[in-house]
């Protein structure tokens, strides 16, 4: 039997400029070391930030379970994005 998985992806409305990529990767590693369910990734090629959560699904999985997974990712974006941006862009005049 193969397990079924649902991957929930969420993208905040900013990308990391290349000049801040080193700091962003360190920040992502810091965030991921203290998270249980949602993983933060940053694409070093284009700076795309993604919050993601994998959910094991079974026949008993309901729409409510899926909704909770989506809510969890959305909540992580709302909660963690300001802190992430501050850790990347700290001590800079502008966020460009």
PDB file of N, CA and C in Angstrom:
ATOM      1  N   UNK A   1       0.834  -1.192   0.000  1.00  0.00           N
ATOM      2  CA  UNK A   1       0.000   0.000   0.000  1.00  0.00           C
ATOM      3  C   UNK A   1       0.872   1.246   0.000  1.00  0.00           C
ATOM      4  N   UNK A   2       0.498   2.166  -0.815  1.00  0.00           N
ATOM      5  CA  UNK A   2       1.179   3.450  -0.818  1.00  0.00           C
ATOM      6  C   UNK A   2       0.349   4.448  -0.020  1.00  0.00           C
ATOM      7  N   UNK A   3       1.036   5.200   0.797  1.00  0.00           N
ATOM      8  CA  UNK A   3       0.349   6.240   1.563  1.00  0.00           C
ATOM      9  C   UNK A   3       0.042   7.412   0.643  1.00  0.00           C
ATOM     10  N   UNK A   4      -1.035   8.069   0.906  1.00  0.00           N
ATOM     11  CA  UNK A   4      -1.405   9.267   0.162  1.00  0.00           C
ATOM     12  C   UNK A   4      -0.987  10.486   0.970  1.00  0.00           C
ATOM     13  N   UNK A   5      -0.484  11.473   0.296  1.00  0.00           N
ATOM     14  CA  UNK A   5      -0.042  12.699   0.951  1.00  0.00           C
ATOM     15  C   UNK A   5      -0.657  13.902   0.272  1.00  0.00           C
ATOM     16  N   UNK A   6      -0.949  14.897   1.076  1.00  0.00           N
ATOM     17  CA  UNK A   6      -1.427  16.184   0.598  1.00  0.00           C
ATOM     18  C   UNK A   6      -0.369  17.199   0.995  1.00  0.00           C
ATOM     19  N   UNK A   7       0.077  18.000   0.064  1.00  0.00           N
ATOM     20  CA  UNK A   7       1.061  19.033   0.360  1.00  0.00           C
ATOM     21  C   UNK A   7       0.370  20.379   0.249  1.00  0.00           C
ATOM     22  N   UNK A   8       0.358  21.128   1.360  1.00  0.00           N
ATOM     23  CA  UNK A   8      -0.247  22.453   1.401  1.00  0.00           C
ATOM     24  C   UNK A   8       0.881  23.474   1.319  1.00  0.00           C
ATOM     25  N   UNK A   9       0.813  24.338   0.315  1.00  0.00           N
ATOM     26  CA  UNK A   9       1.829  25.366   0.100  1.00  0.00           C
ATOM     27  C   UNK A   9       1.219  26.740   0.287  1.00  0.00           C
ATOM     28  N   UNK A  10       1.968  27.642   0.922  1.00  0.00           N
ATOM     29  CA  UNK A  10       1.534  29.020   1.084  1.00  0.00           C
ATOM     30  C   UNK A  10       2.682  29.958   0.781  1.00  0.00           C
ATOM     31  N   UNK A  11       2.394  31.026   0.046  1.00  0.00           N
ATOM     32  CA  UNK A  11       3.423  31.954  -0.386  1.00  0.00           C
ATOM     33  C   UNK A  11       3.113  33.361   0.109  1.00  0.00           C
ATOM     34  N   UNK A  12       3.965  33.908   0.999  1.00  0.00           N
ATOM     35  CA  UNK A  12       3.759  35.304   1.393  1.00  0.00           C
ATOM     36  C   UNK A  12       4.048  36.221   0.201  1.00  0.00           C
ATOM     37  N   UNK A  13       3.605  37.441   0.290  1.00  0.00           N
ATOM     38  CA  UNK A  13       3.694  38.347  -0.849  1.00  0.00           C
ATOM     39  C   UNK A  13       4.987  39.147  -0.864  1.00  0.00           C
ATOM     40  N   UNK A  14       6.106  38.464  -0.710  1.00  0.00           N
ATOM     41  CA  UNK A  14       7.397  39.102  -0.909  1.00  0.00           C
ATOM     42  C   UNK A  14       8.401  38.050  -1.332  1.00  0.00           C
ATOM     43  N   UNK A  15       9.446  38.503  -1.983  1.00  0.00           N
ATOM     44  CA  UNK A  15      10.565  37.634  -2.328  1.00  0.00           C
ATOM     45  C   UNK A  15      11.820  38.235  -1.708  1.00  0.00           C
ATOM     46  N   UNK A  16      12.805  37.396  -1.517  1.00  0.00           N
ATOM     47  CA  UNK A  16      14.058  37.844  -0.923  1.00  0.00           C
ATOM     48  C   UNK A  16      15.027  38.238  -2.041  1.00  0.00           C
ATOM     49  N   UNK A  17      15.493  39.482  -2.041  1.00  0.00           N
ATOM     50  CA  UNK A  17      16.494  39.880  -3.036  1.00  0.00           C
ATOM     51  C   UNK A  17      17.796  39.092  -2.837  1.00  0.00           C
ATOM     52  N   UNK A  18      18.505  38.864  -3.928  1.00  0.00           N
ATOM     53  CA  UNK A  18      19.730  38.061  -3.865  1.00  0.00           C
ATOM     54  C   UNK A  18      20.728  38.609  -2.852  1.00  0.00           C
ATOM     55  N   UNK A  19      20.792  39.930  -2.696  1.00  0.00           N
ATOM     56  CA  UNK A  19      21.790  40.493  -1.785  1.00  0.00           C
ATOM     57  C   UNK A  19      21.528  40.134  -0.322  1.00  0.00           C
ATOM     58  N   UNK A  20      20.308  39.659  -0.009  1.00  0.00           N
ATOM     59  CA  UNK A  20      19.976  39.251   1.354  1.00  0.00           C
ATOM     60  C   UNK A  20      19.864  37.735   1.509  1.00  0.00           C
ATOM     61  N   UNK A  21      20.244  36.980   0.476  1.00  0.00           N
ATOM     62  CA  UNK A  21      20.000  35.542   0.477  1.00  0.00           C
ATOM     63  C   UNK A  21      20.744  34.817   1.602  1.00  0.00           C
ATOM     64  N   UNK A  22      21.996  35.180   1.869  1.00  0.00           N
ATOM     65  CA  UNK A  22      22.728  34.496   2.950  1.00  0.00           C
ATOM     66  C   UNK A  22      22.001  34.639   4.273  1.00  0.00           C
ATOM     67  N   UNK A  23      21.559  35.839   4.576  1.00  0.00           N
ATOM     68  CA  UNK A  23      20.831  36.086   5.818  1.00  0.00           C
ATOM     69  C   UNK A  23      19.490  35.348   5.821  1.00  0.00           C
ATOM     70  N   UNK A  24      18.841  35.284   4.660  1.00  0.00           N
ATOM     71  CA  UNK A  24      17.543  34.618   4.556  1.00  0.00           C
ATOM     72  C   UNK A  24      17.661  33.116   4.798  1.00  0.00           C
ATOM     73  N   UNK A  25      18.695  32.499   4.253  1.00  0.00           N
ATOM     74  CA  UNK A  25      18.885  31.057   4.446  1.00  0.00           C
ATOM     75  C   UNK A  25      19.136  30.754   5.924  1.00  0.00           C
ATOM     76  N   UNK A  26      19.947  31.575   6.580  1.00  0.00           N
ATOM     77  CA  UNK A  26      20.173  31.385   8.019  1.00  0.00           C
ATOM     78  C   UNK A  26      18.877  31.559   8.804  1.00  0.00           C
ATOM     79  N   UNK A  27      18.073  32.545   8.429  1.00  0.00           N
ATOM     80  CA  UNK A  27      16.796  32.771   9.105  1.00  0.00           C
ATOM     81  C   UNK A  27      15.857  31.594   8.904  1.00  0.00           C
ATOM     82  N   UNK A  28      15.805  31.056   7.688  1.00  0.00           N
ATOM     83  CA  UNK A  28      14.943  29.903   7.417  1.00  0.00           C
ATOM     84  C   UNK A  28      15.375  28.705   8.257  1.00  0.00           C
ATOM     85  N   UNK A  29      16.671  28.480   8.367  1.00  0.00           N
ATOM     86  CA  UNK A  29      17.155  27.374   9.194  1.00  0.00           C
ATOM     87  C   UNK A  29      16.767  27.569  10.650  1.00  0.00           C
ATOM     88  N   UNK A  30      16.869  28.787  11.135  1.00  0.00           N
ATOM     89  CA  UNK A  30      16.481  29.096  12.515  1.00  0.00           C
ATOM     90  C   UNK A  30      14.989  28.823  12.722  1.00  0.00           C
ATOM     91  N   UNK A  31      14.152  29.294  11.789  1.00  0.00           N
ATOM     92  CA  UNK A  31      12.713  29.074  11.910  1.00  0.00           C
ATOM     93  C   UNK A  31      12.394  27.586  11.921  1.00  0.00           C
ATOM     94  N   UNK A  32      13.001  26.837  11.020  1.00  0.00           N
ATOM     95  CA  UNK A  32      12.677  25.416  10.892  1.00  0.00           C
ATOM     96  C   UNK A  32      13.131  24.599  12.091  1.00  0.00           C
ATOM     97  N   UNK A  33      14.141  25.057  12.797  1.00  0.00           N
ATOM     98  CA  UNK A  33      14.605  24.304  13.958  1.00  0.00           C
ATOM     99  C   UNK A  33      13.626  24.372  15.128  1.00  0.00           C
ATOM    100  N   UNK A  34      12.708  25.327  15.084  1.00  0.00           N
ATOM    101  CA  UNK A  34      11.758  25.467  16.192  1.00  0.00           C
ATOM    102  C   UNK A  34      10.309  25.236  15.766  1.00  0.00           C
ATOM    103  N   UNK A  35      10.089  24.656  14.590  1.00  0.00           N
ATOM    104  CA  UNK A  35       8.736  24.408  14.110  1.00  0.00           C
ATOM    105  C   UNK A  35       8.469  22.912  14.052  1.00  0.00           C
ATOM    106  N   UNK A  36       7.213  22.527  14.268  1.00  0.00           N
ATOM    107  CA  UNK A  36       6.847  21.117  14.217  1.00  0.00           C
ATOM    108  C   UNK A  36       6.168  20.715  12.915  1.00  0.00           C
ATOM    109  N   UNK A  37       5.291  21.542  12.396  1.00  0.00           N
ATOM    110  CA  UNK A  37       4.442  21.116  11.289  1.00  0.00           C
ATOM    111  C   UNK A  37       4.713  21.834   9.976  1.00  0.00           C
ATOM    112  N   UNK A  38       4.983  23.113  10.022  1.00  0.00           N
ATOM    113  CA  UNK A  38       5.140  23.911   8.815  1.00  0.00           C
ATOM    114  C   UNK A  38       6.621  24.196   8.595  1.00  0.00           C
ATOM    115  N   UNK A  39       7.074  23.930   7.382  1.00  0.00           N
ATOM    116  CA  UNK A  39       8.476  24.148   7.021  1.00  0.00           C
ATOM    117  C   UNK A  39       8.558  25.386   6.135  1.00  0.00           C
ATOM    118  N   UNK A  40       9.568  26.187   6.368  1.00  0.00           N
ATOM    119  CA  UNK A  40       9.817  27.390   5.587  1.00  0.00           C
ATOM    120  C   UNK A  40      10.939  27.105   4.598  1.00  0.00           C
ATOM    121  N   UNK A  41      10.699  27.392   3.322  1.00  0.00           N
ATOM    122  CA  UNK A  41      11.752  27.247   2.323  1.00  0.00           C
ATOM    123  C   UNK A  41      11.910  28.566   1.581  1.00  0.00           C
ATOM    124  N   UNK A  42      13.127  28.827   1.138  1.00  0.00           N
ATOM    125  CA  UNK A  42      13.428  30.004   0.327  1.00  0.00           C
ATOM    126  C   UNK A  42      14.228  29.519  -0.871  1.00  0.00           C
ATOM    127  N   UNK A  43      13.729  29.798  -2.054  1.00  0.00           N
ATOM    128  CA  UNK A  43      14.405  29.393  -3.277  1.00  0.00           C
ATOM    129  C   UNK A  43      15.574  30.347  -3.526  1.00  0.00           C
ATOM    130  N   UNK A  44      16.808  29.848  -3.503  1.00  0.00           N
ATOM    131  CA  UNK A  44      17.955  30.740  -3.685  1.00  0.00           C
ATOM    132  C   UNK A  44      18.060  31.321  -5.094  1.00  0.00           C
ATOM    133  N   UNK A  45      17.379  30.719  -6.053  1.00  0.00           N
ATOM    134  CA  UNK A  45      17.443  31.224  -7.428  1.00  0.00           C
ATOM    135  C   UNK A  45      16.604  32.482  -7.639  1.00  0.00           C
ATOM    136  N   UNK A  46      15.377  32.474  -7.095  1.00  0.00           N
ATOM    137  CA  UNK A  46      14.498  33.620  -7.337  1.00  0.00           C
ATOM    138  C   UNK A  46      13.984  34.285  -6.069  1.00  0.00           C
ATOM    139  N   UNK A  47      14.387  33.794  -4.897  1.00  0.00           N
ATOM    140  CA  UNK A  47      13.995  34.410  -3.636  1.00  0.00           C
ATOM    141  C   UNK A  47      12.582  34.112  -3.186  1.00  0.00           C
ATOM    142  N   UNK A  48      11.907  33.179  -3.842  1.00  0.00           N
ATOM    143  CA  UNK A  48      10.527  32.846  -3.481  1.00  0.00           C
ATOM    144  C   UNK A  48      10.478  32.187  -2.101  1.00  0.00           C
ATOM    145  N   UNK A  49       9.606  32.698  -1.252  1.00  0.00           N
ATOM    146  CA  UNK A  49       9.426  32.179   0.099  1.00  0.00           C
ATOM    147  C   UNK A  49       8.184  31.294   0.100  1.00  0.00           C
ATOM    148  N   UNK A  50       8.296  30.125   0.729  1.00  0.00           N
ATOM    149  CA  UNK A  50       7.178  29.190   0.748  1.00  0.00           C
ATOM    150  C   UNK A  50       7.067  28.545   2.129  1.00  0.00           C
ATOM    151  N   UNK A  51       5.862  28.524   2.656  1.00  0.00           N
ATOM    152  CA  UNK A  51       5.557  27.776   3.865  1.00  0.00           C
ATOM    153  C   UNK A  51       4.836  26.518   3.405  1.00  0.00           C
ATOM    154  N   UNK A  52       5.253  25.354   3.894  1.00  0.00           N
ATOM    155  CA  UNK A  52       4.635  24.119   3.415  1.00  0.00           C
ATOM    156  C   UNK A  52       4.408  23.131   4.542  1.00  0.00           C
ATOM    157  N   UNK A  53       3.381  22.314   4.336  1.00  0.00           N
ATOM    158  CA  UNK A  53       3.020  21.309   5.327  1.00  0.00           C
ATOM    159  C   UNK A  53       2.533  20.074   4.593  1.00  0.00           C
ATOM    160  N   UNK A  54       3.102  18.923   4.922  1.00  0.00           N
ATOM    161  CA  UNK A  54       2.656  17.659   4.365  1.00  0.00           C
ATOM    162  C   UNK A  54       1.665  17.000   5.312  1.00  0.00           C
ATOM    163  N   UNK A  55       0.597  16.461   4.743  1.00  0.00           N
ATOM    164  CA  UNK A  55      -0.444  15.827   5.538  1.00  0.00           C
ATOM    165  C   UNK A  55      -0.679  14.422   4.993  1.00  0.00           C
ATOM    166  N   UNK A  56      -0.551  13.441   5.866  1.00  0.00           N
ATOM    167  CA  UNK A  56      -0.845  12.064   5.478  1.00  0.00           C
ATOM    168  C   UNK A  56      -2.353  11.904   5.417  1.00  0.00           C
ATOM    169  N   UNK A  57      -2.848  11.455   4.289  1.00  0.00           N
ATOM    170  CA  UNK A  57      -4.299  11.311   4.143  1.00  0.00           C
ATOM    171  C   UNK A  57      -4.681   9.834   4.078  1.00  0.00           C
ATOM    172  N   UNK A  58      -5.842   9.571   4.572  1.00  0.00           N
ATOM    173  CA  UNK A  58      -6.414   8.229   4.557  1.00  0.00           C
ATOM    174  C   UNK A  58      -7.854   8.348   4.087  1.00  0.00           C
ATOM    175  N   UNK A  59      -8.512   7.229   3.990  1.00  0.00           N
ATOM    176  CA  UNK A  59      -9.919   7.258   3.588  1.00  0.00           C
ATOM    177  C   UNK A  59     -10.775   8.040   4.572  1.00  0.00           C
ATOM    178  N   UNK A  60     -10.339   8.086   5.829  1.00  0.00           N
ATOM    179  CA  UNK A  60     -11.113   8.779   6.851  1.00  0.00           C
ATOM    180  C   UNK A  60     -10.838  10.289   6.894  1.00  0.00           C
ATOM    181  N   UNK A  61      -9.942  10.791   6.037  1.00  0.00           N
ATOM    182  CA  UNK A  61      -9.649  12.222   6.013  1.00  0.00           C
ATOM    183  C   UNK A  61     -10.871  12.987   5.522  1.00  0.00           C
ATOM    184  N   UNK A  62     -11.238  13.995   6.284  1.00  0.00           N
ATOM    185  CA  UNK A  62     -12.432  14.780   5.951  1.00  0.00           C
ATOM    186  C   UNK A  62     -12.022  16.148   5.407  1.00  0.00           C
ATOM    187  N   UNK A  63     -12.963  16.851   4.794  1.00  0.00           N
ATOM    188  CA  UNK A  63     -12.668  18.220   4.366  1.00  0.00           C
ATOM    189  C   UNK A  63     -12.225  19.113   5.534  1.00  0.00           C
ATOM    190  N   UNK A  64     -12.714  18.819   6.723  1.00  0.00           N
ATOM    191  CA  UNK A  64     -12.306  19.598   7.896  1.00  0.00           C
ATOM    192  C   UNK A  64     -10.816  19.414   8.191  1.00  0.00           C
ATOM    193  N   UNK A  65     -10.320  18.180   8.011  1.00  0.00           N
ATOM    194  CA  UNK A  65      -8.892  17.937   8.211  1.00  0.00           C
ATOM    195  C   UNK A  65      -8.063  18.744   7.212  1.00  0.00           C
ATOM    196  N   UNK A  66      -8.491  18.739   5.979  1.00  0.00           N
ATOM    197  CA  UNK A  66      -7.792  19.510   4.947  1.00  0.00           C
ATOM    198  C   UNK A  66      -7.868  20.999   5.275  1.00  0.00           C
ATOM    199  N   UNK A  67      -9.030  21.456   5.701  1.00  0.00           N
ATOM    200  CA  UNK A  67      -9.195  22.861   6.077  1.00  0.00           C
ATOM    201  C   UNK A  67      -8.283  23.263   7.215  1.00  0.00           C
ATOM    202  N   UNK A  68      -8.100  22.373   8.187  1.00  0.00           N
ATOM    203  CA  UNK A  68      -7.183  22.669   9.295  1.00  0.00           C
ATOM    204  C   UNK A  68      -5.747  22.791   8.806  1.00  0.00           C
ATOM    205  N   UNK A  69      -5.366  21.950   7.851  1.00  0.00           N
ATOM    206  CA  UNK A  69      -4.009  22.019   7.301  1.00  0.00           C
ATOM    207  C   UNK A  69      -3.800  23.345   6.564  1.00  0.00           C
ATOM    208  N   UNK A  70      -4.788  23.744   5.773  1.00  0.00           N
ATOM    209  CA  UNK A  70      -4.698  25.024   5.067  1.00  0.00           C
ATOM    210  C   UNK A  70      -4.643  26.164   6.075  1.00  0.00           C
ATOM    211  N   UNK A  71      -5.492  26.117   7.099  1.00  0.00           N
ATOM    212  CA  UNK A  71      -5.488  27.159   8.129  1.00  0.00           C
ATOM    213  C   UNK A  71      -4.131  27.214   8.828  1.00  0.00           C
ATOM    214  N   UNK A  72      -3.524  26.064   9.105  1.00  0.00           N
ATOM    215  CA  UNK A  72      -2.226  26.020   9.791  1.00  0.00           C
ATOM    216  C   UNK A  72      -1.158  26.725   8.965  1.00  0.00           C
ATOM    217  N   UNK A  73      -1.136  26.486   7.665  1.00  0.00           N
ATOM    218  CA  UNK A  73      -0.154  27.151   6.805  1.00  0.00           C
ATOM    219  C   UNK A  73      -0.435  28.651   6.733  1.00  0.00           C
ATOM    220  N   UNK A  74      -1.685  29.027   6.564  1.00  0.00           N
ATOM    221  CA  UNK A  74      -2.040  30.459   6.531  1.00  0.00           C
ATOM    222  C   UNK A  74      -1.673  31.147   7.839  1.00  0.00           C
ATOM    223  N   UNK A  75      -1.919  30.484   8.949  1.00  0.00           N
ATOM    224  CA  UNK A  75      -1.577  31.049  10.249  1.00  0.00           C
ATOM    225  C   UNK A  75      -0.068  31.217  10.388  1.00  0.00           C
ATOM    226  N   UNK A  76       0.708  30.249   9.899  1.00  0.00           N
ATOM    227  CA  UNK A  76       2.167  30.358   9.954  1.00  0.00           C
ATOM    228  C   UNK A  76       2.642  31.553   9.138  1.00  0.00           C
ATOM    229  N   UNK A  77       2.038  31.757   7.970  1.00  0.00           N
ATOM    230  CA  UNK A  77       2.408  32.923   7.145  1.00  0.00           C
ATOM    231  C   UNK A  77       2.111  34.209   7.901  1.00  0.00           C
ATOM    232  N   UNK A  78       0.903  34.322   8.439  1.00  0.00           N
ATOM    233  CA  UNK A  78       0.518  35.537   9.169  1.00  0.00           C
ATOM    234  C   UNK A  78       1.395  35.770  10.388  1.00  0.00           C
ATOM    235  N   UNK A  79       1.710  34.710  11.104  1.00  0.00           N
ATOM    236  CA  UNK A  79       2.452  34.820  12.349  1.00  0.00           C
ATOM    237  C   UNK A  79       3.959  35.018  12.119  1.00  0.00           C
ATOM    238  N   UNK A  80       4.529  34.295  11.173  1.00  0.00           N
ATOM    239  CA  UNK A  80       5.987  34.260  11.033  1.00  0.00           C
ATOM    240  C   UNK A  80       6.567  35.256  10.035  1.00  0.00           C
ATOM    241  N   UNK A  81       5.771  35.731   9.081  1.00  0.00           N
ATOM    242  CA  UNK A  81       6.320  36.624   8.056  1.00  0.00           C
ATOM    243  C   UNK A  81       6.916  37.907   8.628  1.00  0.00           C
ATOM    244  N   UNK A  82       6.257  38.609   9.551  1.00  0.00           N
ATOM    245  CA  UNK A  82       6.888  39.822  10.082  1.00  0.00           C
ATOM    246  C   UNK A  82       8.241  39.540  10.759  1.00  0.00           C
ATOM    247  N   UNK A  83       8.306  38.475  11.549  1.00  0.00           N
ATOM    248  CA  UNK A  83       9.566  38.132  12.214  1.00  0.00           C
ATOM    249  C   UNK A  83      10.628  37.715  11.195  1.00  0.00           C
ATOM    250  N   UNK A  84      10.221  36.982  10.172  1.00  0.00           N
ATOM    251  CA  UNK A  84      11.154  36.577   9.127  1.00  0.00           C
ATOM    252  C   UNK A  84      11.708  37.793   8.391  1.00  0.00           C
ATOM    253  N   UNK A  85      10.834  38.703   8.009  1.00  0.00           N
ATOM    254  CA  UNK A  85      11.289  39.903   7.306  1.00  0.00           C
ATOM    255  C   UNK A  85      12.219  40.728   8.177  1.00  0.00           C
ATOM    256  N   UNK A  86      11.898  40.846   9.455  1.00  0.00           N
ATOM    257  CA  UNK A  86      12.756  41.610  10.364  1.00  0.00           C
ATOM    258  C   UNK A  86      14.131  40.956  10.467  1.00  0.00           C
ATOM    259  N   UNK A  87      14.174  39.629  10.535  1.00  0.00           N
ATOM    260  CA  UNK A  87      15.468  38.956  10.672  1.00  0.00           C
ATOM    261  C   UNK A  87      16.297  39.049   9.395  1.00  0.00           C
ATOM    262  N   UNK A  88      15.651  39.141   8.245  1.00  0.00           N
ATOM    263  CA  UNK A  88      16.382  39.260   6.979  1.00  0.00           C
ATOM    264  C   UNK A  88      16.832  40.695   6.731  1.00  0.00           C
ATOM    265  N   UNK A  89      15.936  41.644   6.932  1.00  0.00           N
ATOM    266  CA  UNK A  89      16.195  43.027   6.537  1.00  0.00           C
ATOM    267  C   UNK A  89      16.617  43.930   7.695  1.00  0.00           C
ATOM    268  N   UNK A  90      16.862  43.389   8.859  1.00  0.00           N
ATOM    269  CA  UNK A  90      17.258  44.161  10.031  1.00  0.00           C
ATOM    270  C   UNK A  90      18.438  45.092   9.715  1.00  0.00           C
ATOM    271  N   UNK A  91      18.418  46.263  10.304  1.00  0.00           N
ATOM    272  CA  UNK A  91      19.490  47.248  10.174  1.00  0.00           C
ATOM    273  C   UNK A  91      19.636  47.793   8.752  1.00  0.00           C
ATOM    274  N   UNK A  92      18.566  47.780   8.005  1.00  0.00           N
ATOM    275  CA  UNK A  92      18.580  48.359   6.662  1.00  0.00           C
ATOM    276  C   UNK A  92      17.526  49.434   6.593  1.00  0.00           C
ATOM    277  N   UNK A  93      17.825  50.475   5.819  1.00  0.00           N
ATOM    278  CA  UNK A  93      16.910  51.598   5.710  1.00  0.00           C
ATOM    279  C   UNK A  93      15.630  51.233   4.970  1.00  0.00           C
ATOM    280  N   UNK A  94      15.757  50.413   3.936  1.00  0.00           N
ATOM    281  CA  UNK A  94      14.596  50.073   3.125  1.00  0.00           C
ATOM    282  C   UNK A  94      14.480  48.569   2.987  1.00  0.00           C
ATOM    283  N   UNK A  95      13.339  48.108   2.607  1.00  0.00           N
ATOM    284  CA  UNK A  95      13.102  46.691   2.375  1.00  0.00           C
ATOM    285  C   UNK A  95      13.088  46.406   0.876  1.00  0.00           C
ATOM    286  N   UNK A  96      14.154  46.762   0.183  1.00  0.00           N
ATOM    287  CA  UNK A  96      14.184  46.522  -1.269  1.00  0.00           C
ATOM    288  C   UNK A  96      15.118  45.407  -1.638  1.00  0.00           C
TER     289      UNK A  96
END
